[in-house]
Amino acid sequence: MEFSILLDIYQLGAPRAGMTLGVLAFLGFLLFLSYKIPRLGWLYRKLPVFMPFLQMCFITLIGIELGIFFANMWADKQLFSKGVAILLTIISIVVVRLYLSYWYYKYPISYKVHKL
């Protein structure tokens, strides 16, 4: 959903709003509560793979939002060139993906699923 906004910014050259920091913080807080309060985490007991899936989606969303921030800095304020904005967007998404790869290498999903 947010990736299409990122592509629109580069195609149209006009800034667009993605999720704000407040929305990301609220989603992160809801995920945190669902992990810590057993009564809210009933879905994770029924579908144990859902917890790592939501973690991956949330962290990837943070990377895409960072890319949208760089794209909007180019489209709105002309702070740097389009090539630099694209490079920063790609770097932000790659860094997030590398972080996820490291995280799930260190703590495999099968360990989390059996731990529940």
C-alpha atoms as a PDB file:
ATOM      1  CA  MET A   1       0.000   0.000   0.000  1.00  0.00           C
ATOM      2  CA  GLU A   2       2.746   2.467   0.919  1.00  0.00           C
ATOM      3  CA  PHE A   3       5.027   1.297  -1.865  1.00  0.00           C
ATOM      4  CA  SER A   4       2.612   2.652  -4.482  1.00  0.00           C
ATOM      5  CA  ILE A   5       2.784   6.071  -2.783  1.00  0.00           C
ATOM      6  CA  LEU A   6       6.559   5.942  -3.061  1.00  0.00           C
ATOM      7  CA  LEU A   7       6.359   5.156  -6.771  1.00  0.00           C
ATOM      8  CA  ASP A   8       3.810   7.950  -7.313  1.00  0.00           C
ATOM      9  CA  ILE A   9       6.144  10.496  -5.741  1.00  0.00           C
ATOM     10  CA  TYR A  10       8.916   9.611  -8.163  1.00  0.00           C
ATOM     11  CA  GLN A  11       6.635   9.398 -11.204  1.00  0.00           C
ATOM     12  CA  LEU A  12       4.698  12.613 -10.592  1.00  0.00           C
ATOM     13  CA  GLY A  13       7.428  14.611  -8.874  1.00  0.00           C
ATOM     14  CA  ALA A  14       4.946  15.850  -6.279  1.00  0.00           C
ATOM     15  CA  PRO A  15       5.010  15.108  -2.551  1.00  0.00           C
ATOM     16  CA  ARG A  16       2.444  12.745  -1.085  1.00  0.00           C
ATOM     17  CA  ALA A  17       1.674  11.899   2.483  1.00  0.00           C
ATOM     18  CA  GLY A  18       2.422   8.462   3.802  1.00  0.00           C
ATOM     19  CA  MET A  19       1.771   7.285   7.319  1.00  0.00           C
ATOM     20  CA  THR A  20       2.881   9.770   9.902  1.00  0.00           C
ATOM     21  CA  LEU A  21       5.207   9.029  12.787  1.00  0.00           C
ATOM     22  CA  GLY A  22       2.227   9.042  15.136  1.00  0.00           C
ATOM     23  CA  VAL A  23       0.450   6.309  13.172  1.00  0.00           C
ATOM     24  CA  LEU A  24       3.612   4.193  13.095  1.00  0.00           C
ATOM     25  CA  ALA A  25       4.078   4.661  16.841  1.00  0.00           C
ATOM     26  CA  PHE A  26       0.426   3.721  17.455  1.00  0.00           C
ATOM     27  CA  LEU A  27       0.751   0.547  15.345  1.00  0.00           C
ATOM     28  CA  GLY A  28       3.973  -0.337  17.131  1.00  0.00           C
ATOM     29  CA  PHE A  29       2.315   0.215  20.494  1.00  0.00           C
ATOM     30  CA  LEU A  30      -0.592  -2.055  19.512  1.00  0.00           C
ATOM     31  CA  LEU A  31       1.846  -4.755  18.427  1.00  0.00           C
ATOM     32  CA  PHE A  32       3.744  -4.369  21.686  1.00  0.00           C
ATOM     33  CA  LEU A  33       0.558  -4.707  23.726  1.00  0.00           C
ATOM     34  CA  SER A  34      -0.525  -7.781  21.786  1.00  0.00           C
ATOM     35  CA  TYR A  35       2.839  -9.431  22.538  1.00  0.00           C
ATOM     36  CA  LYS A  36       2.925  -8.554  26.227  1.00  0.00           C
ATOM     37  CA  ILE A  37      -0.721  -9.047  27.247  1.00  0.00           C
ATOM     38  CA  PRO A  38      -1.675 -12.710  26.849  1.00  0.00           C
ATOM     39  CA  ARG A  39      -5.375 -11.949  26.483  1.00  0.00           C
ATOM     40  CA  LEU A  40      -4.714  -9.778  23.415  1.00  0.00           C
ATOM     41  CA  GLY A  41      -2.361 -12.329  21.860  1.00  0.00           C
ATOM     42  CA  TRP A  42      -4.942 -15.056  21.302  1.00  0.00           C
ATOM     43  CA  LEU A  43      -4.418 -14.936  17.551  1.00  0.00           C
ATOM     44  CA  TYR A  44      -0.713 -15.724  17.965  1.00  0.00           C
ATOM     45  CA  ARG A  45      -1.604 -18.900  19.840  1.00  0.00           C
ATOM     46  CA  LYS A  46      -3.916 -20.002  17.039  1.00  0.00           C
ATOM     47  CA  LEU A  47      -1.542 -18.929  14.222  1.00  0.00           C
ATOM     48  CA  PRO A  48       2.004 -18.879  15.646  1.00  0.00           C
ATOM     49  CA  VAL A  49       3.540 -17.734  12.353  1.00  0.00           C
ATOM     50  CA  PHE A  50       1.453 -14.554  12.482  1.00  0.00           C
ATOM     51  CA  MET A  51       3.740 -12.894  15.050  1.00  0.00           C
ATOM     52  CA  PRO A  52       6.919 -12.979  12.896  1.00  0.00           C
ATOM     53  CA  PHE A  53       4.840 -11.985   9.871  1.00  0.00           C
ATOM     54  CA  LEU A  54       3.540  -8.857  11.625  1.00  0.00           C
ATOM     55  CA  GLN A  55       7.057  -8.044  12.819  1.00  0.00           C
ATOM     56  CA  MET A  56       8.390  -8.263   9.261  1.00  0.00           C
ATOM     57  CA  CYS A  57       5.547  -6.147   7.896  1.00  0.00           C
ATOM     58  CA  PHE A  58       5.964  -3.467  10.563  1.00  0.00           C
ATOM     59  CA  ILE A  59       9.727  -3.166  10.203  1.00  0.00           C
ATOM     60  CA  THR A  60       9.481  -3.130   6.394  1.00  0.00           C
ATOM     61  CA  LEU A  61       6.838  -0.410   6.693  1.00  0.00           C
ATOM     62  CA  ILE A  62       9.295   1.669   8.709  1.00  0.00           C
ATOM     63  CA  GLY A  63      11.861   1.324   5.901  1.00  0.00           C
ATOM     64  CA  ILE A  64       9.351   2.312   3.227  1.00  0.00           C
ATOM     65  CA  GLU A  65       8.215   5.305   5.299  1.00  0.00           C
ATOM     66  CA  LEU A  66      11.838   6.390   5.572  1.00  0.00           C
ATOM     67  CA  GLY A  67      12.061   6.112   1.782  1.00  0.00           C
ATOM     68  CA  ILE A  68       8.895   8.216   1.432  1.00  0.00           C
ATOM     69  CA  PHE A  69      10.497  10.804   3.701  1.00  0.00           C
ATOM     70  CA  PHE A  70      13.547  11.034   1.415  1.00  0.00           C
ATOM     71  CA  ALA A  71      11.342  11.165  -1.691  1.00  0.00           C
ATOM     72  CA  ASN A  72       9.251  13.965  -0.201  1.00  0.00           C
ATOM     73  CA  MET A  73      12.395  15.894   0.704  1.00  0.00           C
ATOM     74  CA  TRP A  74      13.310  15.780  -2.993  1.00  0.00           C
ATOM     75  CA  ALA A  75       9.813  16.495  -4.340  1.00  0.00           C
ATOM     76  CA  ASP A  76       8.828  19.205  -1.868  1.00  0.00           C
ATOM     77  CA  LYS A  77      11.968  20.993  -0.765  1.00  0.00           C
ATOM     78  CA  GLN A  78      14.407  20.081  -3.578  1.00  0.00           C
ATOM     79  CA  LEU A  79      16.971  19.367  -0.881  1.00  0.00           C
ATOM     80  CA  PHE A  80      18.885  16.986  -3.129  1.00  0.00           C
ATOM     81  CA  SER A  81      18.611  15.596  -6.655  1.00  0.00           C
ATOM     82  CA  LYS A  82      16.230  12.870  -7.754  1.00  0.00           C
ATOM     83  CA  GLY A  83      19.071  10.377  -8.144  1.00  0.00           C
ATOM     84  CA  VAL A  84      20.252  10.952  -4.586  1.00  0.00           C
ATOM     85  CA  ALA A  85      16.679  10.615  -3.313  1.00  0.00           C
ATOM     86  CA  ILE A  86      16.257   7.308  -5.148  1.00  0.00           C
ATOM     87  CA  LEU A  87      19.599   6.102  -3.801  1.00  0.00           C
ATOM     88  CA  LEU A  88      18.651   7.037  -0.229  1.00  0.00           C
ATOM     89  CA  THR A  89      15.287   5.314  -0.638  1.00  0.00           C
ATOM     90  CA  ILE A  90      16.923   2.131  -1.898  1.00  0.00           C
ATOM     91  CA  ILE A  91      19.511   2.256   0.889  1.00  0.00           C
ATOM     92  CA  SER A  92      16.808   2.654   3.550  1.00  0.00           C
ATOM     93  CA  ILE A  93      14.853  -0.339   2.240  1.00  0.00           C
ATOM     94  CA  VAL A  94      17.998  -2.468   1.875  1.00  0.00           C
ATOM     95  CA  VAL A  95      19.189  -1.602   5.401  1.00  0.00           C
ATOM     96  CA  VAL A  96      15.826  -2.640   6.822  1.00  0.00           C
ATOM     97  CA  ARG A  97      15.912  -5.891   4.873  1.00  0.00           C
ATOM     98  CA  LEU A  98      19.468  -6.594   6.039  1.00  0.00           C
ATOM     99  CA  TYR A  99      18.371  -5.935   9.614  1.00  0.00           C
ATOM    100  CA  LEU A 100      15.498  -8.397   9.219  1.00  0.00           C
ATOM    101  CA  SER A 101      17.833 -10.978   7.715  1.00  0.00           C
ATOM    102  CA  TYR A 102      20.235 -10.610  10.620  1.00  0.00           C
ATOM    103  CA  TRP A 103      17.441 -10.699  13.167  1.00  0.00           C
ATOM    104  CA  TYR A 104      15.848 -13.884  11.800  1.00  0.00           C
ATOM    105  CA  TYR A 105      19.271 -15.480  11.364  1.00  0.00           C
ATOM    106  CA  LYS A 106      19.979 -14.840  15.047  1.00  0.00           C
ATOM    107  CA  TYR A 107      16.440 -15.757  16.211  1.00  0.00           C
ATOM    108  CA  PRO A 108      14.895 -18.150  13.653  1.00  0.00           C
ATOM    109  CA  ILE A 109      11.145 -18.190  13.185  1.00  0.00           C
ATOM    110  CA  SER A 110      10.897 -21.899  13.984  1.00  0.00           C
ATOM    111  CA  TYR A 111      12.350 -21.171  17.443  1.00  0.00           C
ATOM    112  CA  LYS A 112       9.717 -18.482  18.043  1.00  0.00           C
ATOM    113  CA  VAL A 113       6.883 -20.704  16.839  1.00  0.00           C
ATOM    114  CA  HIS A 114       7.852 -23.616  19.115  1.00  0.00           C
ATOM    115  CA  LYS A 115       8.532 -21.284  22.033  1.00  0.00           C
ATOM    116  CA  LEU A 116       4.863 -20.218  22.182  1.00  0.00           C
END
